[in-house]
């Protein structure tokens, strides 16, 4: 992009992999994670470390939408689906369509 006659480098942010979700782990450690790592390590995360309840709810809703997109709508009474790991190819379609590959 051009700003006042000078070229500015184009900033890029990969919401799937770049760390932006504040996570509080069971050990007490806090770290920012990307969507992919947050969902992969959900069993280790105690809470979202954002001080704002509105932020926490927005992040949870976003993660739930991504989870539904990856796994589909869970069947009632089938708790085995909840413990299964994410399919390895759940983000492949998005990466192919948007060019967000690693």
PDB file of N, CA and C in Angstrom:
ATOM      1  N   UNK A   1       0.837  -1.186   0.000  1.00  0.00           N
ATOM      2  CA  UNK A   1       0.000   0.000   0.000  1.00  0.00           C
ATOM      3  C   UNK A   1       0.881   1.247   0.000  1.00  0.00           C
ATOM      4  N   UNK A   2       0.326   2.337  -0.473  1.00  0.00           N
ATOM      5  CA  UNK A   2       1.078   3.592  -0.544  1.00  0.00           C
ATOM      6  C   UNK A   2       0.487   4.573   0.461  1.00  0.00           C
ATOM      7  N   UNK A   3       1.347   5.176   1.248  1.00  0.00           N
ATOM      8  CA  UNK A   3       0.931   6.167   2.228  1.00  0.00           C
ATOM      9  C   UNK A   3       1.816   7.394   2.064  1.00  0.00           C
ATOM     10  N   UNK A   4       1.241   8.484   1.594  1.00  0.00           N
ATOM     11  CA  UNK A   4       1.960   9.756   1.392  1.00  0.00           C
ATOM     12  C   UNK A   4       3.226   9.574   0.560  1.00  0.00           C
ATOM     13  N   UNK A   5       3.086   8.837  -0.535  1.00  0.00           N
ATOM     14  CA  UNK A   5       4.194   8.683  -1.456  1.00  0.00           C
ATOM     15  C   UNK A   5       5.214   7.639  -1.065  1.00  0.00           C
ATOM     16  N   UNK A   6       5.043   7.011   0.107  1.00  0.00           N
ATOM     17  CA  UNK A   6       5.985   5.975   0.531  1.00  0.00           C
ATOM     18  C   UNK A   6       5.282   4.623   0.523  1.00  0.00           C
ATOM     19  N   UNK A   7       6.029   3.602   0.184  1.00  0.00           N
ATOM     20  CA  UNK A   7       5.472   2.251   0.234  1.00  0.00           C
ATOM     21  C   UNK A   7       5.493   1.739   1.666  1.00  0.00           C
ATOM     22  N   UNK A   8       4.391   1.201   2.078  1.00  0.00           N
ATOM     23  CA  UNK A   8       4.291   0.580   3.395  1.00  0.00           C
ATOM     24  C   UNK A   8       4.273  -0.924   3.210  1.00  0.00           C
ATOM     25  N   UNK A   9       4.999  -1.665   4.020  1.00  0.00           N
ATOM     26  CA  UNK A   9       4.913  -3.125   3.899  1.00  0.00           C
ATOM     27  C   UNK A   9       3.513  -3.593   4.272  1.00  0.00           C
ATOM     28  N   UNK A  10       3.027  -4.577   3.546  1.00  0.00           N
ATOM     29  CA  UNK A  10       1.693  -5.105   3.825  1.00  0.00           C
ATOM     30  C   UNK A  10       1.771  -6.012   5.055  1.00  0.00           C
ATOM     31  N   UNK A  11       1.011  -5.684   6.067  1.00  0.00           N
ATOM     32  CA  UNK A  11       0.990  -6.490   7.280  1.00  0.00           C
ATOM     33  C   UNK A  11       0.040  -7.662   7.081  1.00  0.00           C
ATOM     34  N   UNK A  12       0.438  -8.804   7.565  1.00  0.00           N
ATOM     35  CA  UNK A  12      -0.391  -9.998   7.452  1.00  0.00           C
ATOM     36  C   UNK A  12      -0.568 -10.604   8.835  1.00  0.00           C
ATOM     37  N   UNK A  13      -1.758 -11.143   9.035  1.00  0.00           N
ATOM     38  CA  UNK A  13      -2.055 -11.813  10.290  1.00  0.00           C
ATOM     39  C   UNK A  13      -2.836 -13.068   9.971  1.00  0.00           C
ATOM     40  N   UNK A  14      -2.330 -14.206  10.399  1.00  0.00           N
ATOM     41  CA  UNK A  14      -2.995 -15.479  10.172  1.00  0.00           C
ATOM     42  C   UNK A  14      -3.744 -15.842  11.447  1.00  0.00           C
ATOM     43  N   UNK A  15      -5.052 -15.696  11.439  1.00  0.00           N
ATOM     44  CA  UNK A  15      -5.866 -15.904  12.632  1.00  0.00           C
ATOM     45  C   UNK A  15      -5.800 -17.354  13.118  1.00  0.00           C
ATOM     46  N   UNK A  16      -5.482 -18.282  12.220  1.00  0.00           N
ATOM     47  CA  UNK A  16      -5.397 -19.684  12.617  1.00  0.00           C
ATOM     48  C   UNK A  16      -4.128 -19.989  13.399  1.00  0.00           C
ATOM     49  N   UNK A  17      -3.021 -19.380  13.020  1.00  0.00           N
ATOM     50  CA  UNK A  17      -1.730 -19.758  13.603  1.00  0.00           C
ATOM     51  C   UNK A  17      -1.060 -18.681  14.438  1.00  0.00           C
ATOM     52  N   UNK A  18      -1.269 -17.416  14.136  1.00  0.00           N
ATOM     53  CA  UNK A  18      -0.629 -16.351  14.911  1.00  0.00           C
ATOM     54  C   UNK A  18      -1.278 -16.259  16.301  1.00  0.00           C
ATOM     55  N   UNK A  19      -0.476 -16.091  17.344  1.00  0.00           N
ATOM     56  CA  UNK A  19      -1.025 -16.068  18.712  1.00  0.00           C
ATOM     57  C   UNK A  19      -1.813 -14.795  19.005  1.00  0.00           C
ATOM     58  N   UNK A  20      -3.059 -14.985  19.445  1.00  0.00           N
ATOM     59  CA  UNK A  20      -3.907 -13.844  19.803  1.00  0.00           C
ATOM     60  C   UNK A  20      -4.925 -14.204  20.885  1.00  0.00           C
ATOM     61  N   UNK A  21      -5.111 -15.477  21.163  1.00  0.00           N
ATOM     62  CA  UNK A  21      -6.088 -15.911  22.165  1.00  0.00           C
ATOM     63  C   UNK A  21      -5.369 -16.072  23.510  1.00  0.00           C
ATOM     64  N   UNK A  22      -5.746 -15.280  24.521  1.00  0.00           N
ATOM     65  CA  UNK A  22      -5.083 -15.388  25.818  1.00  0.00           C
ATOM     66  C   UNK A  22      -5.577 -16.620  26.578  1.00  0.00           C
ATOM     67  N   UNK A  23      -4.672 -17.543  26.843  1.00  0.00           N
ATOM     68  CA  UNK A  23      -5.048 -18.797  27.500  1.00  0.00           C
ATOM     69  C   UNK A  23      -4.363 -18.914  28.852  1.00  0.00           C
ATOM     70  N   UNK A  24      -5.125 -19.371  29.831  1.00  0.00           N
ATOM     71  CA  UNK A  24      -4.605 -19.668  31.164  1.00  0.00           C
ATOM     72  C   UNK A  24      -4.578 -21.187  31.303  1.00  0.00           C
ATOM     73  N   UNK A  25      -3.382 -21.742  31.494  1.00  0.00           N
ATOM     74  CA  UNK A  25      -3.226 -23.186  31.601  1.00  0.00           C
ATOM     75  C   UNK A  25      -3.414 -23.645  33.044  1.00  0.00           C
ATOM     76  N   UNK A  26      -3.628 -24.931  33.225  1.00  0.00           N
ATOM     77  CA  UNK A  26      -3.817 -25.498  34.558  1.00  0.00           C
ATOM     78  C   UNK A  26      -2.600 -25.252  35.445  1.00  0.00           C
ATOM     79  N   UNK A  27      -1.423 -25.123  34.841  1.00  0.00           N
ATOM     80  CA  UNK A  27      -0.186 -24.867  35.603  1.00  0.00           C
ATOM     81  C   UNK A  27      -0.094 -23.430  36.117  1.00  0.00           C
ATOM     82  N   UNK A  28      -0.991 -22.547  35.664  1.00  0.00           N
ATOM     83  CA  UNK A  28      -0.954 -21.138  36.047  1.00  0.00           C
ATOM     84  C   UNK A  28      -0.293 -20.263  35.001  1.00  0.00           C
ATOM     85  N   UNK A  29       0.349 -20.869  34.021  1.00  0.00           N
ATOM     86  CA  UNK A  29       1.007 -20.124  32.940  1.00  0.00           C
ATOM     87  C   UNK A  29      -0.053 -19.500  32.024  1.00  0.00           C
ATOM     88  N   UNK A  30       0.214 -18.283  31.573  1.00  0.00           N
ATOM     89  CA  UNK A  30      -0.640 -17.660  30.569  1.00  0.00           C
ATOM     90  C   UNK A  30       0.178 -17.462  29.299  1.00  0.00           C
ATOM     91  N   UNK A  31      -0.471 -17.690  28.179  1.00  0.00           N
ATOM     92  CA  UNK A  31       0.173 -17.563  26.870  1.00  0.00           C
ATOM     93  C   UNK A  31      -0.871 -17.231  25.832  1.00  0.00           C
ATOM     94  N   UNK A  32      -0.461 -16.538  24.782  1.00  0.00           N
ATOM     95  CA  UNK A  32      -1.342 -16.291  23.654  1.00  0.00           C
ATOM     96  C   UNK A  32      -1.147 -17.409  22.635  1.00  0.00           C
ATOM     97  N   UNK A  33      -2.253 -17.927  22.119  1.00  0.00           N
ATOM     98  CA  UNK A  33      -2.235 -19.028  21.165  1.00  0.00           C
ATOM     99  C   UNK A  33      -3.058 -18.669  19.938  1.00  0.00           C
ATOM    100  N   UNK A  34      -2.766 -19.320  18.829  1.00  0.00           N
ATOM    101  CA  UNK A  34      -3.611 -19.214  17.645  1.00  0.00           C
ATOM    102  C   UNK A  34      -4.803 -20.153  17.787  1.00  0.00           C
ATOM    103  N   UNK A  35      -5.732 -20.065  16.864  1.00  0.00           N
ATOM    104  CA  UNK A  35      -6.934 -20.899  16.905  1.00  0.00           C
ATOM    105  C   UNK A  35      -6.572 -22.378  16.874  1.00  0.00           C
ATOM    106  N   UNK A  36      -5.706 -22.746  15.955  1.00  0.00           N
ATOM    107  CA  UNK A  36      -5.334 -24.151  15.786  1.00  0.00           C
ATOM    108  C   UNK A  36      -4.751 -24.729  17.080  1.00  0.00           C
ATOM    109  N   UNK A  37      -3.803 -24.014  17.693  1.00  0.00           N
ATOM    110  CA  UNK A  37      -3.176 -24.504  18.918  1.00  0.00           C
ATOM    111  C   UNK A  37      -4.151 -24.497  20.090  1.00  0.00           C
ATOM    112  N   UNK A  38      -5.032 -23.511  20.136  1.00  0.00           N
ATOM    113  CA  UNK A  38      -6.030 -23.451  21.204  1.00  0.00           C
ATOM    114  C   UNK A  38      -6.935 -24.676  21.165  1.00  0.00           C
ATOM    115  N   UNK A  39      -7.402 -25.033  19.977  1.00  0.00           N
ATOM    116  CA  UNK A  39      -8.274 -26.203  19.868  1.00  0.00           C
ATOM    117  C   UNK A  39      -7.509 -27.500  20.105  1.00  0.00           C
ATOM    118  N   UNK A  40      -6.265 -27.562  19.659  1.00  0.00           N
ATOM    119  CA  UNK A  40      -5.454 -28.761  19.880  1.00  0.00           C
ATOM    120  C   UNK A  40      -5.123 -28.963  21.354  1.00  0.00           C
ATOM    121  N   UNK A  41      -4.955 -27.868  22.103  1.00  0.00           N
ATOM    122  CA  UNK A  41      -4.543 -27.952  23.504  1.00  0.00           C
ATOM    123  C   UNK A  41      -5.671 -27.605  24.475  1.00  0.00           C
ATOM    124  N   UNK A  42      -6.898 -27.681  24.016  1.00  0.00           N
ATOM    125  CA  UNK A  42      -8.051 -27.294  24.840  1.00  0.00           C
ATOM    126  C   UNK A  42      -8.100 -28.058  26.161  1.00  0.00           C
ATOM    127  N   UNK A  43      -7.670 -29.307  26.155  1.00  0.00           N
ATOM    128  CA  UNK A  43      -7.702 -30.117  27.376  1.00  0.00           C
ATOM    129  C   UNK A  43      -6.711 -29.623  28.433  1.00  0.00           C
ATOM    130  N   UNK A  44      -5.744 -28.774  28.043  1.00  0.00           N
ATOM    131  CA  UNK A  44      -4.762 -28.240  28.985  1.00  0.00           C
ATOM    132  C   UNK A  44      -5.145 -26.845  29.493  1.00  0.00           C
ATOM    133  N   UNK A  45      -6.109 -26.202  28.848  1.00  0.00           N
ATOM    134  CA  UNK A  45      -6.461 -24.812  29.150  1.00  0.00           C
ATOM    135  C   UNK A  45      -7.549 -24.772  30.216  1.00  0.00           C
ATOM    136  N   UNK A  46      -7.287 -24.007  31.275  1.00  0.00           N
ATOM    137  CA  UNK A  46      -8.257 -23.872  32.359  1.00  0.00           C
ATOM    138  C   UNK A  46      -9.309 -22.812  32.025  1.00  0.00           C
ATOM    139  N   UNK A  47      -8.856 -21.688  31.426  1.00  0.00           N
ATOM    140  CA  UNK A  47      -9.777 -20.585  31.124  1.00  0.00           C
ATOM    141  C   UNK A  47      -9.126 -19.669  30.092  1.00  0.00           C
ATOM    142  N   UNK A  48      -9.939 -18.798  29.532  1.00  0.00           N
ATOM    143  CA  UNK A  48      -9.401 -17.730  28.696  1.00  0.00           C
ATOM    144  C   UNK A  48      -8.941 -16.622  29.624  1.00  0.00           C
ATOM    145  N   UNK A  49      -7.763 -16.070  29.363  1.00  0.00           N
ATOM    146  CA  UNK A  49      -7.133 -15.133  30.294  1.00  0.00           C
ATOM    147  C   UNK A  49      -7.478 -13.674  30.015  1.00  0.00           C
ATOM    148  N   UNK A  50      -8.539 -13.411  29.320  1.00  0.00           N
ATOM    149  CA  UNK A  50      -8.947 -12.032  29.070  1.00  0.00           C
ATOM    150  C   UNK A  50      -9.681 -11.494  30.297  1.00  0.00           C
ATOM    151  N   UNK A  51      -9.385 -10.262  30.708  1.00  0.00           N
ATOM    152  CA  UNK A  51     -10.074  -9.709  31.877  1.00  0.00           C
ATOM    153  C   UNK A  51     -11.531  -9.327  31.593  1.00  0.00           C
ATOM    154  N   UNK A  52     -11.887  -9.202  30.338  1.00  0.00           N
ATOM    155  CA  UNK A  52     -13.242  -8.779  29.988  1.00  0.00           C
ATOM    156  C   UNK A  52     -14.147  -9.977  29.710  1.00  0.00           C
ATOM    157  N   UNK A  53     -15.261 -10.080  30.417  1.00  0.00           N
ATOM    158  CA  UNK A  53     -16.202 -11.165  30.141  1.00  0.00           C
ATOM    159  C   UNK A  53     -16.738 -11.108  28.704  1.00  0.00           C
ATOM    160  N   UNK A  54     -16.872  -9.912  28.158  1.00  0.00           N
ATOM    161  CA  UNK A  54     -17.347  -9.789  26.780  1.00  0.00           C
ATOM    162  C   UNK A  54     -16.332 -10.360  25.794  1.00  0.00           C
ATOM    163  N   UNK A  55     -15.052 -10.114  26.045  1.00  0.00           N
ATOM    164  CA  UNK A  55     -14.014 -10.685  25.188  1.00  0.00           C
ATOM    165  C   UNK A  55     -13.991 -12.207  25.293  1.00  0.00           C
ATOM    166  N   UNK A  56     -14.081 -12.712  26.523  1.00  0.00           N
ATOM    167  CA  UNK A  56     -14.068 -14.163  26.709  1.00  0.00           C
ATOM    168  C   UNK A  56     -15.223 -14.819  25.967  1.00  0.00           C
ATOM    169  N   UNK A  57     -16.406 -14.236  26.070  1.00  0.00           N
ATOM    170  CA  UNK A  57     -17.577 -14.803  25.406  1.00  0.00           C
ATOM    171  C   UNK A  57     -17.433 -14.735  23.885  1.00  0.00           C
ATOM    172  N   UNK A  58     -16.916 -13.635  23.373  1.00  0.00           N
ATOM    173  CA  UNK A  58     -16.733 -13.506  21.930  1.00  0.00           C
ATOM    174  C   UNK A  58     -15.728 -14.534  21.411  1.00  0.00           C
ATOM    175  N   UNK A  59     -14.640 -14.734  22.138  1.00  0.00           N
ATOM    176  CA  UNK A  59     -13.634 -15.719  21.728  1.00  0.00           C
ATOM    177  C   UNK A  59     -14.221 -17.124  21.786  1.00  0.00           C
ATOM    178  N   UNK A  60     -14.961 -17.438  22.857  1.00  0.00           N
ATOM    179  CA  UNK A  60     -15.574 -18.758  22.969  1.00  0.00           C
ATOM    180  C   UNK A  60     -16.562 -19.018  21.836  1.00  0.00           C
ATOM    181  N   UNK A  61     -17.350 -18.025  21.496  1.00  0.00           N
ATOM    182  CA  UNK A  61     -18.306 -18.184  20.394  1.00  0.00           C
ATOM    183  C   UNK A  61     -17.584 -18.391  19.069  1.00  0.00           C
ATOM    184  N   UNK A  62     -16.494 -17.662  18.859  1.00  0.00           N
ATOM    185  CA  UNK A  62     -15.711 -17.826  17.640  1.00  0.00           C
ATOM    186  C   UNK A  62     -15.111 -19.234  17.580  1.00  0.00           C
ATOM    187  N   UNK A  63     -14.521 -19.692  18.694  1.00  0.00           N
ATOM    188  CA  UNK A  63     -13.934 -21.032  18.729  1.00  0.00           C
ATOM    189  C   UNK A  63     -14.999 -22.109  18.521  1.00  0.00           C
ATOM    190  N   UNK A  64     -16.170 -21.902  19.080  1.00  0.00           N
ATOM    191  CA  UNK A  64     -17.258 -22.858  18.877  1.00  0.00           C
ATOM    192  C   UNK A  64     -17.672 -22.923  17.410  1.00  0.00           C
ATOM    193  N   UNK A  65     -17.727 -21.769  16.758  1.00  0.00           N
ATOM    194  CA  UNK A  65     -18.066 -21.745  15.330  1.00  0.00           C
ATOM    195  C   UNK A  65     -17.010 -22.482  14.507  1.00  0.00           C
ATOM    196  N   UNK A  66     -15.741 -22.285  14.837  1.00  0.00           N
ATOM    197  CA  UNK A  66     -14.667 -22.992  14.131  1.00  0.00           C
ATOM    198  C   UNK A  66     -14.770 -24.488  14.394  1.00  0.00           C
ATOM    199  N   UNK A  67     -15.055 -24.858  15.627  1.00  0.00           N
ATOM    200  CA  UNK A  67     -15.182 -26.269  15.987  1.00  0.00           C
ATOM    201  C   UNK A  67     -16.340 -26.927  15.231  1.00  0.00           C
ATOM    202  N   UNK A  68     -17.471 -26.255  15.143  1.00  0.00           N
ATOM    203  CA  UNK A  68     -18.599 -26.785  14.373  1.00  0.00           C
ATOM    204  C   UNK A  68     -18.229 -26.913  12.900  1.00  0.00           C
ATOM    205  N   UNK A  69     -17.475 -25.949  12.392  1.00  0.00           N
ATOM    206  CA  UNK A  69     -17.057 -25.995  10.993  1.00  0.00           C
ATOM    207  C   UNK A  69     -16.145 -27.194  10.749  1.00  0.00           C
ATOM    208  N   UNK A  70     -15.255 -27.480  11.712  1.00  0.00           N
ATOM    209  CA  UNK A  70     -14.317 -28.600  11.571  1.00  0.00           C
ATOM    210  C   UNK A  70     -14.976 -29.957  11.763  1.00  0.00           C
ATOM    211  N   UNK A  71     -15.841 -30.064  12.747  1.00  0.00           N
ATOM    212  CA  UNK A  71     -16.357 -31.376  13.160  1.00  0.00           C
ATOM    213  C   UNK A  71     -17.810 -31.605  12.816  1.00  0.00           C
ATOM    214  N   UNK A  72     -18.540 -30.573  12.473  1.00  0.00           N
ATOM    215  CA  UNK A  72     -19.971 -30.745  12.221  1.00  0.00           C
ATOM    216  C   UNK A  72     -20.758 -30.691  13.518  1.00  0.00           C
ATOM    217  N   UNK A  73     -22.056 -30.839  13.390  1.00  0.00           N
ATOM    218  CA  UNK A  73     -22.960 -30.780  14.525  1.00  0.00           C
ATOM    219  C   UNK A  73     -22.914 -32.113  15.275  1.00  0.00           C
ATOM    220  N   UNK A  74     -22.557 -32.107  16.567  1.00  0.00           N
ATOM    221  CA  UNK A  74     -22.484 -33.375  17.303  1.00  0.00           C
ATOM    222  C   UNK A  74     -23.875 -33.975  17.518  1.00  0.00           C
ATOM    223  N   UNK A  75     -23.941 -35.279  17.478  1.00  0.00           N
ATOM    224  CA  UNK A  75     -25.201 -35.987  17.720  1.00  0.00           C
ATOM    225  C   UNK A  75     -25.469 -36.031  19.222  1.00  0.00           C
ATOM    226  N   UNK A  76     -26.690 -35.804  19.623  1.00  0.00           N
ATOM    227  CA  UNK A  76     -27.046 -35.860  21.043  1.00  0.00           C
ATOM    228  C   UNK A  76     -26.812 -37.261  21.583  1.00  0.00           C
ATOM    229  N   UNK A  77     -26.252 -37.338  22.758  1.00  0.00           N
ATOM    230  CA  UNK A  77     -26.020 -38.614  23.403  1.00  0.00           C
ATOM    231  C   UNK A  77     -24.756 -39.323  22.960  1.00  0.00           C
ATOM    232  N   UNK A  78     -24.038 -38.785  21.970  1.00  0.00           N
ATOM    233  CA  UNK A  78     -22.813 -39.416  21.500  1.00  0.00           C
ATOM    234  C   UNK A  78     -21.620 -38.638  22.049  1.00  0.00           C
ATOM    235  N   UNK A  79     -21.229 -38.941  23.280  1.00  0.00           N
ATOM    236  CA  UNK A  79     -20.148 -38.209  23.940  1.00  0.00           C
ATOM    237  C   UNK A  79     -18.773 -38.606  23.438  1.00  0.00           C
ATOM    238  N   UNK A  80     -18.655 -39.692  22.692  1.00  0.00           N
ATOM    239  CA  UNK A  80     -17.361 -40.105  22.163  1.00  0.00           C
ATOM    240  C   UNK A  80     -16.804 -39.056  21.209  1.00  0.00           C
ATOM    241  N   UNK A  81     -17.672 -38.385  20.468  1.00  0.00           N
ATOM    242  CA  UNK A  81     -17.237 -37.368  19.514  1.00  0.00           C
ATOM    243  C   UNK A  81     -16.521 -36.209  20.203  1.00  0.00           C
ATOM    244  N   UNK A  82     -16.905 -35.905  21.434  1.00  0.00           N
ATOM    245  CA  UNK A  82     -16.325 -34.758  22.129  1.00  0.00           C
ATOM    246  C   UNK A  82     -14.868 -34.989  22.509  1.00  0.00           C
ATOM    247  N   UNK A  83     -14.492 -36.238  22.714  1.00  0.00           N
ATOM    248  CA  UNK A  83     -13.129 -36.546  23.141  1.00  0.00           C
ATOM    249  C   UNK A  83     -12.197 -36.857  21.981  1.00  0.00           C
ATOM    250  N   UNK A  84     -12.717 -36.988  20.796  1.00  0.00           N
ATOM    251  CA  UNK A  84     -11.887 -37.313  19.635  1.00  0.00           C
ATOM    252  C   UNK A  84     -11.067 -36.088  19.230  1.00  0.00           C
ATOM    253  N   UNK A  85      -9.822 -36.306  18.784  1.00  0.00           N
ATOM    254  CA  UNK A  85      -9.026 -35.158  18.325  1.00  0.00           C
ATOM    255  C   UNK A  85      -9.613 -34.555  17.051  1.00  0.00           C
ATOM    256  N   UNK A  86      -9.229 -33.326  16.786  1.00  0.00           N
ATOM    257  CA  UNK A  86      -9.692 -32.684  15.549  1.00  0.00           C
ATOM    258  C   UNK A  86      -9.144 -33.434  14.348  1.00  0.00           C
ATOM    259  N   UNK A  87      -9.939 -33.561  13.297  1.00  0.00           N
ATOM    260  CA  UNK A  87      -9.405 -34.176  12.079  1.00  0.00           C
ATOM    261  C   UNK A  87      -8.215 -33.365  11.563  1.00  0.00           C
ATOM    262  N   UNK A  88      -7.183 -34.049  11.103  1.00  0.00           N
ATOM    263  CA  UNK A  88      -5.962 -33.355  10.678  1.00  0.00           C
ATOM    264  C   UNK A  88      -6.193 -32.447   9.484  1.00  0.00           C
ATOM    265  N   UNK A  89      -7.234 -32.711   8.708  1.00  0.00           N
ATOM    266  CA  UNK A  89      -7.471 -31.916   7.499  1.00  0.00           C
ATOM    267  C   UNK A  89      -8.572 -30.869   7.678  1.00  0.00           C
ATOM    268  N   UNK A  90      -8.987 -30.584   8.922  1.00  0.00           N
ATOM    269  CA  UNK A  90     -10.139 -29.691   9.105  1.00  0.00           C
ATOM    270  C   UNK A  90      -9.868 -28.263   8.637  1.00  0.00           C
ATOM    271  N   UNK A  91      -8.613 -27.823   8.635  1.00  0.00           N
ATOM    272  CA  UNK A  91      -8.296 -26.477   8.172  1.00  0.00           C
ATOM    273  C   UNK A  91      -7.792 -26.452   6.732  1.00  0.00           C
ATOM    274  N   UNK A  92      -7.623 -27.611   6.126  1.00  0.00           N
ATOM    275  CA  UNK A  92      -7.042 -27.690   4.779  1.00  0.00           C
ATOM    276  C   UNK A  92      -7.867 -26.933   3.746  1.00  0.00           C
ATOM    277  N   UNK A  93      -9.188 -27.058   3.807  1.00  0.00           N
ATOM    278  CA  UNK A  93     -10.048 -26.375   2.836  1.00  0.00           C
ATOM    279  C   UNK A  93      -9.910 -24.855   2.946  1.00  0.00           C
ATOM    280  N   UNK A  94      -9.903 -24.349   4.163  1.00  0.00           N
ATOM    281  CA  UNK A  94      -9.749 -22.912   4.367  1.00  0.00           C
ATOM    282  C   UNK A  94      -8.397 -22.435   3.860  1.00  0.00           C
ATOM    283  N   UNK A  95      -7.343 -23.174   4.172  1.00  0.00           N
ATOM    284  CA  UNK A  95      -6.009 -22.800   3.720  1.00  0.00           C
ATOM    285  C   UNK A  95      -5.922 -22.801   2.210  1.00  0.00           C
ATOM    286  N   UNK A  96      -6.530 -23.774   1.564  1.00  0.00           N
ATOM    287  CA  UNK A  96      -6.484 -23.858   0.101  1.00  0.00           C
ATOM    288  C   UNK A  96      -7.254 -22.709  -0.536  1.00  0.00           C
ATOM    289  N   UNK A  97      -8.412 -22.372   0.031  1.00  0.00           N
ATOM    290  CA  UNK A  97      -9.257 -21.323  -0.540  1.00  0.00           C
ATOM    291  C   UNK A  97      -8.719 -19.918  -0.276  1.00  0.00           C
ATOM    292  N   UNK A  98      -8.094 -19.717   0.850  1.00  0.00           N
ATOM    293  CA  UNK A  98      -7.645 -18.373   1.247  1.00  0.00           C
ATOM    294  C   UNK A  98      -6.147 -18.182   1.131  1.00  0.00           C
ATOM    295  N   UNK A  99      -5.427 -19.229   0.833  1.00  0.00           N
ATOM    296  CA  UNK A  99      -3.974 -19.103   0.721  1.00  0.00           C
ATOM    297  C   UNK A  99      -3.301 -18.856   2.054  1.00  0.00           C
ATOM    298  N   UNK A 100      -3.841 -19.455   3.139  1.00  0.00           N
ATOM    299  CA  UNK A 100      -3.304 -19.227   4.478  1.00  0.00           C
ATOM    300  C   UNK A 100      -2.374 -20.336   4.929  1.00  0.00           C
ATOM    301  N   UNK A 101      -1.911 -21.158   4.027  1.00  0.00           N
ATOM    302  CA  UNK A 101      -1.066 -22.284   4.405  1.00  0.00           C
ATOM    303  C   UNK A 101       0.200 -21.843   5.093  1.00  0.00           C
ATOM    304  N   UNK A 102       0.816 -22.743   5.803  1.00  0.00           N
ATOM    305  CA  UNK A 102       2.036 -22.425   6.557  1.00  0.00           C
ATOM    306  C   UNK A 102       3.188 -22.173   5.628  1.00  0.00           C
TER     307      UNK A 102
END
